Protein backbone atom coordinates (compact mmCIF):
# COMPACT_ATOMS: atom_id res chain seq x y z
CA MET A 1 -13.56 17.46 -10.57
CA THR A 2 -13.32 14.72 -13.22
CA LYS A 3 -10.20 12.96 -14.46
CA ASN A 4 -10.34 15.02 -17.67
CA ASN A 5 -9.85 18.37 -15.98
CA ILE A 6 -7.37 17.33 -13.31
CA SER A 7 -3.97 18.89 -13.98
CA ILE A 8 -0.86 16.76 -14.41
CA ASP A 9 0.55 18.25 -11.19
CA GLU A 10 -2.62 17.25 -9.33
CA LYS A 11 -2.45 13.70 -10.71
CA ILE A 12 1.18 13.36 -9.61
CA LYS A 13 0.24 14.68 -6.17
CA ILE A 14 -2.45 12.01 -5.80
CA ILE A 15 -0.24 9.22 -7.13
CA SER A 16 2.68 10.29 -4.92
CA LYS A 17 0.67 10.41 -1.67
CA GLY A 18 2.22 7.98 0.79
CA ALA A 19 4.71 6.55 -1.74
CA ALA A 20 8.15 5.76 -0.33
CA GLU A 21 9.86 6.18 -3.72
CA ILE A 22 8.99 6.71 -7.39
CA ILE A 23 11.46 5.86 -10.16
CA ASP A 24 11.10 8.28 -11.55
CA THR A 25 8.72 11.23 -11.25
CA LYS A 26 10.01 12.92 -14.43
CA GLU A 27 9.21 9.81 -16.48
CA LEU A 28 5.83 9.51 -14.76
CA ARG A 29 4.98 13.08 -15.73
CA GLN A 30 5.82 12.38 -19.37
CA LYS A 31 3.74 9.19 -19.41
CA LEU A 32 0.76 11.09 -17.99
CA ILE A 33 1.19 13.88 -20.54
CA ASP A 34 1.41 11.39 -23.43
CA ALA A 35 -1.61 9.45 -22.15
CA GLU A 36 -3.68 12.61 -21.93
CA LYS A 37 -2.55 13.85 -25.34
CA ASN A 38 -3.31 10.51 -27.04
CA ASN A 39 -6.45 9.77 -24.99
CA LYS A 40 -4.80 6.55 -23.83
CA GLN A 41 -5.07 4.54 -20.65
CA LEU A 42 -1.83 3.67 -18.89
CA THR A 43 -1.39 0.03 -17.85
CA VAL A 44 -0.74 -0.35 -14.12
CA LYS A 45 0.74 -3.67 -13.06
CA LEU A 46 0.42 -5.33 -9.68
CA GLY A 47 1.77 -8.82 -9.21
CA LEU A 48 0.40 -11.04 -6.47
CA ASP A 49 2.18 -14.16 -5.27
CA PRO A 50 -0.81 -15.92 -3.68
CA THR A 51 0.82 -17.56 -0.69
CA ALA A 52 -1.30 -15.88 2.03
CA PRO A 53 -4.81 -15.30 0.71
CA ASP A 54 -6.45 -13.46 3.60
CA ILE A 55 -6.15 -9.75 2.85
CA HIS A 56 -5.59 -7.30 5.71
CA LEU A 57 -4.97 -3.56 5.64
CA GLY A 58 -1.25 -4.13 5.14
CA HIS A 59 -2.00 -5.81 1.81
CA THR A 60 -4.38 -3.02 0.77
CA VAL A 61 -1.67 -0.34 0.70
CA VAL A 62 -0.71 -1.14 -2.91
CA LEU A 63 -4.29 -2.03 -3.86
CA ARG A 64 -5.57 1.38 -2.72
CA LYS A 65 -2.85 3.09 -4.77
CA VAL A 66 -3.88 1.07 -7.82
CA ARG A 67 -7.49 2.18 -7.25
CA GLN A 68 -6.44 5.83 -6.99
CA ILE A 69 -4.69 5.56 -10.36
CA GLN A 70 -7.75 3.81 -11.81
CA ASP A 71 -9.87 6.74 -10.63
CA LEU A 72 -7.60 8.99 -12.70
CA GLY A 73 -8.72 7.08 -15.79
CA HIS A 74 -6.22 4.26 -16.16
CA ARG A 75 -6.49 0.47 -16.14
CA ALA A 76 -4.93 -2.18 -13.94
CA ILE A 77 -3.67 -5.62 -14.78
CA ILE A 78 -3.43 -7.83 -11.72
CA ILE A 79 -1.07 -10.70 -12.34
CA ILE A 80 -1.67 -13.72 -10.17
CA GLY A 81 1.69 -15.42 -9.93
CA ASP A 82 0.48 -18.98 -10.33
CA PHE A 83 3.67 -19.88 -12.21
CA THR A 84 6.09 -17.87 -10.06
CA GLY A 85 4.16 -18.90 -6.94
CA MET A 86 5.24 -22.47 -7.49
CA ILE A 87 8.84 -21.25 -7.04
CA GLY A 88 8.21 -18.82 -4.20
CA ASP A 89 9.58 -15.30 -3.88
CA PRO A 90 12.97 -15.51 -2.11
CA THR A 91 12.65 -11.91 -0.86
CA GLY A 92 13.63 -11.70 2.80
CA ARG A 93 14.40 -15.42 3.00
CA SER A 94 17.46 -16.82 4.70
CA LYS A 95 16.90 -20.18 3.02
CA THR A 96 15.18 -21.63 -0.02
CA ARG A 97 11.42 -21.22 0.20
CA LYS A 98 9.10 -24.23 0.05
CA GLN A 99 7.43 -24.48 -3.34
CA LEU A 100 3.63 -24.44 -3.51
CA THR A 101 1.59 -26.95 -5.47
CA THR A 102 -0.55 -25.82 -8.41
CA GLU A 103 -3.68 -26.59 -6.37
CA GLU A 104 -2.51 -24.47 -3.42
CA VAL A 105 -1.67 -21.52 -5.66
CA LEU A 106 -4.99 -21.60 -7.53
CA GLU A 107 -7.03 -21.96 -4.34
CA ASN A 108 -5.29 -18.97 -2.77
CA ALA A 109 -5.65 -16.99 -5.99
CA GLU A 110 -9.43 -17.41 -6.02
CA THR A 111 -9.64 -16.05 -2.48
CA TYR A 112 -7.47 -13.08 -3.48
CA LYS A 113 -9.68 -12.31 -6.48
CA LYS A 114 -12.83 -12.21 -4.35
CA GLN A 115 -11.31 -9.89 -1.75
CA MET A 116 -9.43 -7.42 -3.94
CA PHE A 117 -12.57 -6.28 -5.74
CA LYS A 118 -13.66 -4.68 -2.50
CA ILE A 119 -11.02 -2.12 -3.43
CA LEU A 120 -10.40 -2.18 -7.18
CA ASP A 121 -12.75 -1.01 -9.93
CA PRO A 122 -13.82 -4.24 -11.71
CA GLU A 123 -14.50 -2.38 -14.98
CA LYS A 124 -10.93 -1.11 -15.10
CA THR A 125 -9.26 -4.30 -13.88
CA LYS A 126 -8.05 -7.34 -15.77
CA VAL A 127 -6.91 -10.37 -13.81
CA CYS A 128 -4.57 -12.84 -15.46
CA PHE A 129 -2.17 -15.62 -14.52
CA ASN A 130 1.47 -15.43 -15.54
CA SER A 131 1.37 -19.09 -16.56
CA GLU A 132 -0.39 -17.74 -19.68
CA TRP A 133 3.01 -16.76 -21.08
CA LEU A 134 5.63 -18.32 -18.80
CA SER A 135 4.34 -21.89 -19.25
CA LYS A 136 4.94 -21.53 -23.00
CA PHE A 137 8.68 -20.94 -22.55
CA ASP A 138 10.92 -23.66 -23.92
CA PHE A 139 14.49 -24.12 -22.71
CA LYS A 140 15.83 -21.75 -25.39
CA ASP A 141 13.49 -19.01 -24.14
CA VAL A 142 14.70 -19.55 -20.58
CA ILE A 143 18.34 -19.25 -21.68
CA ASN A 144 17.58 -16.07 -23.64
CA LEU A 145 15.85 -14.54 -20.61
CA ALA A 146 18.69 -15.52 -18.26
CA ALA A 147 21.21 -13.97 -20.65
CA LYS A 148 19.69 -10.52 -20.13
CA TYR A 149 20.78 -10.29 -16.48
CA THR A 150 24.08 -11.02 -14.74
CA VAL A 151 24.92 -13.06 -11.66
CA THR A 152 26.86 -10.05 -10.35
CA ARG A 153 23.73 -7.90 -10.39
CA MET A 154 21.63 -10.72 -8.97
CA LEU A 155 23.99 -10.95 -5.99
CA GLU A 156 23.42 -7.26 -5.30
CA ARG A 157 20.05 -8.33 -3.95
CA ASP A 158 20.28 -8.11 -0.17
CA ASP A 159 18.97 -11.56 0.75
CA PHE A 160 21.12 -13.30 -1.87
CA LYS A 161 24.15 -11.26 -0.78
CA LYS A 162 23.70 -12.27 2.86
CA ARG A 163 23.23 -15.93 2.05
CA PHE A 164 26.24 -15.93 -0.29
CA LYS A 165 28.50 -14.35 2.37
CA ALA A 166 27.20 -16.79 4.99
CA GLN A 167 27.90 -19.66 2.56
CA GLN A 168 24.24 -20.67 2.68
CA SER A 169 22.79 -22.41 -0.34
CA ILE A 170 21.07 -20.45 -3.11
CA ALA A 171 19.24 -22.63 -5.61
CA ILE A 172 19.55 -21.65 -9.28
CA HIS A 173 15.77 -21.58 -9.67
CA GLU A 174 15.61 -18.73 -7.10
CA PHE A 175 17.52 -16.51 -9.53
CA MET A 176 14.73 -17.17 -12.00
CA TYR A 177 12.02 -15.66 -9.78
CA PRO A 178 12.92 -11.96 -10.27
CA LEU A 179 13.54 -12.65 -13.97
CA MET A 180 10.11 -14.19 -14.41
CA GLN A 181 8.42 -11.44 -12.42
CA GLY A 182 10.30 -8.90 -14.50
CA TYR A 183 9.25 -10.63 -17.72
CA ASP A 184 5.60 -10.19 -16.66
CA SER A 185 6.15 -6.46 -17.25
CA VAL A 186 7.43 -7.24 -20.75
CA ALA A 187 4.48 -9.52 -21.51
CA ILE A 188 1.80 -6.96 -20.61
CA LYS A 189 3.82 -3.85 -21.64
CA ALA A 190 3.34 -2.29 -18.18
CA ASP A 191 3.57 1.50 -17.89
CA ILE A 192 3.61 1.51 -14.07
CA GLU A 193 4.35 -1.23 -11.57
CA LEU A 194 3.44 -1.00 -7.90
CA GLY A 195 4.84 -2.92 -4.98
CA GLY A 196 6.06 -2.69 -1.42
CA THR A 197 9.55 -1.43 -0.66
CA ASP A 198 10.54 -5.07 -0.14
CA GLN A 199 9.87 -5.65 -3.86
CA ARG A 200 12.32 -2.98 -5.02
CA PHE A 201 14.80 -5.39 -6.60
CA ASN A 202 12.17 -7.44 -8.45
CA ILE A 203 10.39 -4.39 -9.88
CA LEU A 204 13.61 -2.77 -11.06
CA VAL A 205 14.49 -6.02 -12.85
CA GLY A 206 11.26 -5.45 -14.77
CA ARG A 207 12.48 -2.02 -15.90
CA THR A 208 15.78 -3.52 -17.04
CA LEU A 209 14.13 -6.32 -18.99
CA GLN A 210 11.70 -3.97 -20.71
CA LYS A 211 14.68 -1.96 -21.98
CA GLU A 212 16.41 -5.19 -23.10
CA TYR A 213 13.29 -6.18 -25.06
CA GLY A 214 13.06 -2.75 -26.70
CA LEU A 215 10.11 -1.42 -24.69
CA GLU A 216 9.62 1.85 -22.81
CA LYS A 217 10.59 1.36 -19.17
CA GLN A 218 7.83 1.16 -16.59
CA ILE A 219 7.54 3.60 -13.70
CA ALA A 220 8.29 1.92 -10.38
CA ILE A 221 6.19 3.04 -7.40
CA PHE A 222 7.21 1.64 -4.03
CA MET A 223 4.81 1.79 -1.11
CA PRO A 224 5.92 1.58 2.56
CA ILE A 225 5.33 -1.47 4.70
CA LEU A 226 2.45 -0.82 7.11
CA GLU A 227 2.96 -1.51 10.81
CA GLY A 228 0.17 -3.31 12.62
CA THR A 229 -1.97 -2.19 15.53
CA ASP A 230 1.06 -2.37 17.85
CA GLY A 231 2.76 0.34 15.78
CA ILE A 232 6.01 -1.63 15.77
CA GLU A 233 5.93 -4.85 13.77
CA LYS A 234 4.83 -5.28 10.16
CA MET A 235 1.11 -6.01 10.04
CA SER A 236 0.76 -9.78 10.17
CA LYS A 237 -1.92 -12.29 11.00
CA SER A 238 0.62 -14.50 12.77
CA LEU A 239 1.56 -11.60 15.09
CA GLY A 240 -2.08 -10.81 15.84
CA ASN A 241 -1.60 -7.11 15.00
CA TYR A 242 -3.65 -7.13 11.81
CA ILE A 243 -6.94 -5.56 10.70
CA GLY A 244 -8.70 -7.83 8.22
CA ILE A 245 -10.88 -6.33 5.51
CA ASP A 246 -13.46 -9.08 6.06
CA GLU A 247 -13.79 -8.35 9.79
CA SER A 248 -17.01 -6.91 11.17
CA SER A 249 -17.46 -3.13 11.15
CA THR A 250 -17.29 -2.91 14.96
CA GLU A 251 -14.17 -5.08 15.15
CA MET A 252 -12.46 -3.09 12.41
CA TYR A 253 -13.37 0.25 14.03
CA GLY A 254 -12.15 -0.90 17.44
CA LYS A 255 -8.85 -2.19 16.07
CA VAL A 256 -8.15 1.09 14.30
CA MET A 257 -8.82 2.93 17.57
CA SER A 258 -6.15 0.77 19.23
CA ILE A 259 -3.28 1.97 17.01
CA PRO A 260 -0.75 4.36 18.61
CA ASP A 261 -1.38 8.07 17.99
CA GLU A 262 1.87 8.39 16.06
CA MET A 263 0.50 5.98 13.43
CA ILE A 264 -2.60 8.06 12.61
CA ILE A 265 -1.08 9.98 9.70
CA LYS A 266 0.58 6.90 8.19
CA TYR A 267 -2.72 5.03 8.22
CA TYR A 268 -4.45 8.02 6.62
CA GLU A 269 -1.74 8.11 3.93
CA LEU A 270 -1.66 4.42 3.13
CA VAL A 271 -5.08 2.88 3.71
CA THR A 272 -7.55 5.67 2.85
CA ASP A 273 -8.30 7.69 -0.27
CA ILE A 274 -8.26 11.03 1.53
CA HIS A 275 -6.92 13.84 -0.69
CA PRO A 276 -3.32 14.98 0.03
CA ASP A 277 -4.48 18.55 0.75
CA GLU A 278 -6.98 17.35 3.36
CA LEU A 279 -4.27 15.18 4.90
CA GLU A 280 -2.02 18.23 5.25
CA LYS A 281 -4.77 20.01 7.20
CA ILE A 282 -5.03 17.05 9.58
CA LYS A 283 -1.23 17.01 10.04
CA GLU A 284 -1.21 20.71 10.92
CA LYS A 285 -4.05 20.32 13.44
CA LEU A 286 -2.21 17.48 15.19
CA GLN A 287 1.15 19.29 15.15
CA HIS A 288 -0.33 22.47 16.63
CA GLY A 289 -2.43 20.63 19.19
CA GLU A 290 -5.65 22.05 17.77
CA VAL A 291 -7.50 18.76 18.10
CA ASN A 292 -7.50 15.70 20.35
CA PRO A 293 -5.72 12.81 18.55
CA ARG A 294 -8.55 10.54 19.73
CA ASP A 295 -11.06 12.54 17.66
CA ILE A 296 -8.86 12.35 14.56
CA LYS A 297 -8.43 8.63 15.14
CA MET A 298 -12.20 8.20 15.35
CA SER A 299 -12.55 9.95 11.99
CA LEU A 300 -9.86 7.63 10.61
CA ALA A 301 -11.61 4.54 11.96
CA LYS A 302 -14.93 5.65 10.49
CA GLU A 303 -13.32 6.34 7.10
CA ILE A 304 -11.67 2.91 6.96
CA VAL A 305 -14.88 1.12 7.97
CA ARG A 306 -16.82 3.11 5.38
CA LEU A 307 -14.50 1.90 2.62
CA TYR A 308 -15.30 -1.75 3.35
CA HIS A 309 -18.77 -1.72 4.95
CA GLY A 310 -20.46 1.46 3.75
CA GLU A 311 -21.65 4.65 5.46
CA THR A 312 -24.46 3.07 7.51
CA GLU A 313 -22.22 0.42 9.08
CA ALA A 314 -19.51 3.01 9.71
CA GLN A 315 -22.00 5.12 11.65
CA LYS A 316 -23.16 2.08 13.67
CA ALA A 317 -19.57 1.12 14.45
CA GLU A 318 -18.87 4.62 15.74
CA GLU A 319 -21.97 4.58 17.95
CA HIS A 320 -21.01 1.12 19.24
CA PHE A 321 -17.52 2.35 20.13
CA LYS A 322 -18.85 5.38 21.96
CA SER A 323 -21.31 3.25 23.92
CA VAL A 324 -18.96 0.41 24.85
CA PHE A 325 -15.58 2.07 25.21
CA GLN A 326 -16.30 5.67 26.09
CA LYS A 327 -19.30 5.00 28.34
CA GLY A 328 -18.27 1.54 29.48
CA ASN A 329 -21.49 -0.20 28.45
CA ILE A 330 -21.75 -3.84 27.46
CA PRO A 331 -23.00 -4.16 23.87
CA LYS A 332 -26.62 -5.23 23.39
CA ASP A 333 -26.12 -7.43 20.35
CA ILE A 334 -23.38 -9.91 21.24
CA PRO A 335 -23.00 -13.56 20.24
CA GLU A 336 -24.20 -16.32 22.54
CA PHE A 337 -22.35 -19.43 23.63
CA LYS A 338 -24.63 -22.29 24.67
CA ILE A 339 -23.53 -24.71 27.39
CA ASP A 340 -25.43 -27.82 28.41
CA PHE A 341 -26.32 -28.01 32.10
CA GLU A 342 -24.64 -31.44 32.08
CA ASP A 343 -21.28 -29.79 31.26
CA VAL A 344 -21.48 -27.50 34.29
CA GLU A 345 -20.03 -29.00 37.47
CA ASN A 346 -20.93 -27.22 40.69
CA GLY A 347 -21.63 -24.06 38.71
CA LYS A 348 -18.11 -24.08 37.20
CA VAL A 349 -16.98 -24.15 33.57
CA ASP A 350 -13.69 -24.11 31.69
CA ILE A 351 -13.59 -20.64 30.13
CA ILE A 352 -10.54 -21.64 28.06
CA ASN A 353 -12.89 -23.83 26.01
CA ILE A 354 -15.29 -20.92 25.46
CA VAL A 355 -12.51 -18.53 24.45
CA LYS A 356 -11.11 -21.07 21.98
CA SER A 357 -14.51 -22.02 20.56
CA MET A 358 -15.34 -18.36 19.91
CA LYS A 359 -11.93 -17.95 18.24
CA PHE A 360 -11.22 -14.96 20.50
CA THR A 361 -7.62 -16.12 20.67
CA SER A 362 -5.60 -18.25 18.29
CA THR A 363 -3.21 -19.94 20.74
CA ASN A 364 -3.00 -20.94 24.41
CA ARG A 365 -0.03 -18.61 24.71
CA GLU A 366 -2.09 -15.65 23.55
CA THR A 367 -4.88 -16.58 25.97
CA LYS A 368 -2.43 -16.77 28.88
CA ARG A 369 -0.88 -13.43 27.92
CA LEU A 370 -4.28 -11.72 27.87
CA LEU A 371 -5.14 -13.23 31.25
CA GLU A 372 -1.89 -11.91 32.77
CA GLN A 373 -2.69 -8.46 31.35
CA GLY A 374 -6.12 -8.50 32.98
CA ALA A 375 -7.75 -8.45 29.55
CA ILE A 376 -10.19 -11.31 30.20
CA LYS A 377 -13.23 -10.35 32.26
CA LEU A 378 -16.43 -11.89 33.56
CA ASN A 379 -19.26 -9.38 33.92
CA GLY A 380 -16.68 -6.59 33.90
CA ASN A 381 -14.45 -8.16 36.56
CA LYS A 382 -10.92 -9.27 35.71
CA LEU A 383 -10.28 -13.00 35.96
CA LEU A 384 -7.19 -14.37 37.66
CA SER A 385 -7.67 -17.90 36.31
CA LEU A 386 -9.55 -19.42 33.39
CA GLU A 387 -10.21 -22.82 34.94
CA ASP A 388 -13.18 -23.82 37.10
CA VAL A 389 -14.80 -20.38 36.94
CA LYS A 390 -18.30 -20.18 38.39
CA ILE A 391 -20.74 -18.96 35.81
CA ALA A 392 -24.48 -18.38 35.53
CA ASP A 393 -26.94 -18.06 32.69
CA GLY A 394 -26.59 -14.65 31.01
CA ASP A 395 -23.04 -13.94 32.25
CA VAL A 396 -20.87 -11.97 29.82
CA ILE A 397 -17.26 -12.88 29.07
CA GLN A 398 -15.06 -10.15 27.61
CA VAL A 399 -11.71 -10.76 25.91
CA GLY A 400 -9.67 -7.65 25.20
CA LYS A 401 -11.56 -4.45 24.50
CA ARG A 402 -13.84 -5.55 21.70
CA LYS A 403 -14.79 -9.22 22.05
CA PHE A 404 -17.86 -10.21 24.07
CA VAL A 405 -19.92 -13.39 24.42
CA LYS A 406 -23.01 -14.13 26.49
CA VAL A 407 -23.21 -17.54 28.17
CA VAL A 408 -26.54 -19.33 27.78
CA LEU A 409 -27.17 -22.43 29.88
CA ALA A 410 -29.49 -24.86 28.10
C-alpha cells in the first residue's frame, strides 16, 4: 500500500499510534484532506535543544513518529535550537538553568545530526538552526514578540507557577524561551509540531503565536515519556536504565529483554514502526494468555535491533541471546583485557580496575551495587569481593547479564 492510496482514516490511525494527545484530531484530518487534494506536503516540525547529544530510545519516540509521518508523504524540518539552547529550556527546572556556550551547542548539534538520520528519511528532512531568524531580531522585534503573550498565561506553566509560589527567582530571559520556540513555528509555517508531553506548554505557545501572526495553527502531537529498562524511571543515561541507539546489536537486544513484561506494549507503540492493527493482535494474545510474554519480548528486541543494525545483525543478536541466556553458555566472541605479568601479585589482580577500564560500570557506587546483587562473576561464579582476586590466563569476568571480558596475561 503506497501513501497515495492510504485512506485519511488509516493515516490518522498511524499518526495517532502511541500518541498521548493530539490537538486536535479534527484539524489534523482537515490538513491531511487539504494536503491530498492539493498534492502538498505538510511541514512537520521537531525542535531539538542540543544539551544531551547521545540519543537513546527515549529520544527516538518523537523521531520515530516524525519518520512515520514522512513515510505518509510529508516533510520534516528539524530545528536545532542553537539560539534557544544558549538560554536553556526551563521545563521541569526548579531554578534557572545554566546557559550553554555557542561552541557547546554546535558540538552537541553535530552529534545529534549524525544520529538522527538513523531514523529519519534524509530526502524528506531539512535541518536548520533557529539562529537563522532569531539572531536577526532587534530590540523592537523582541518587544513585539513579547507583546503577543501575557505574564498571566506564562505563569500558568507548572514549573514557573511552582517557583513563583515558592518565591524562587525566575529570570526574565526564561519567559523568552517558550516565545522563541513558539516563533520557530511561525518562521517555518509548521503544520504539525511533535514533542514529549513535557513540552506541552511550549508547543501550545507556538499555536497561539501562529494565530497572532495570521497563520493557520499547527497540530500539536504529544508523545509519552518512555520509561527505561527498570520500567519505573524516565529513560536516562545518568540512571543507567537507557538503551542507546549506537550500542552493539547484542547489547541492545539484551537490554530490551530486561524490560518488565508490562512495558512490552508501550515499547512496541513508541519505539517501533509496527502497524496499529498488528499491535492490537499482540495485545490480545498477551491479554488472553495465548503466548509467553518472553516470546513477544524476543520479537520486540529483534524488531528494535533490526531498525538500527539491520536484519542480519538482529538475527545474530537473537542467536547470541538464546545461546548465552537461555542455554547459559559463555559467548565465543568477547573482548579481551590484557594484563602484564608484572601487574599480577601472587596470582591476584584488582578486578575493579578491569571493570572500570572496560567501562562496564560508570561509577564505584554502581560497581558496588552489582557486587552486592551477585551480578559480577568470575568463570560463572559470583564474587564476594573485587579486590585481590586470583585470576589466570583465559578467565572470563561477567558483569550483569550481558557484559563479558576474557583476561589475557601477557
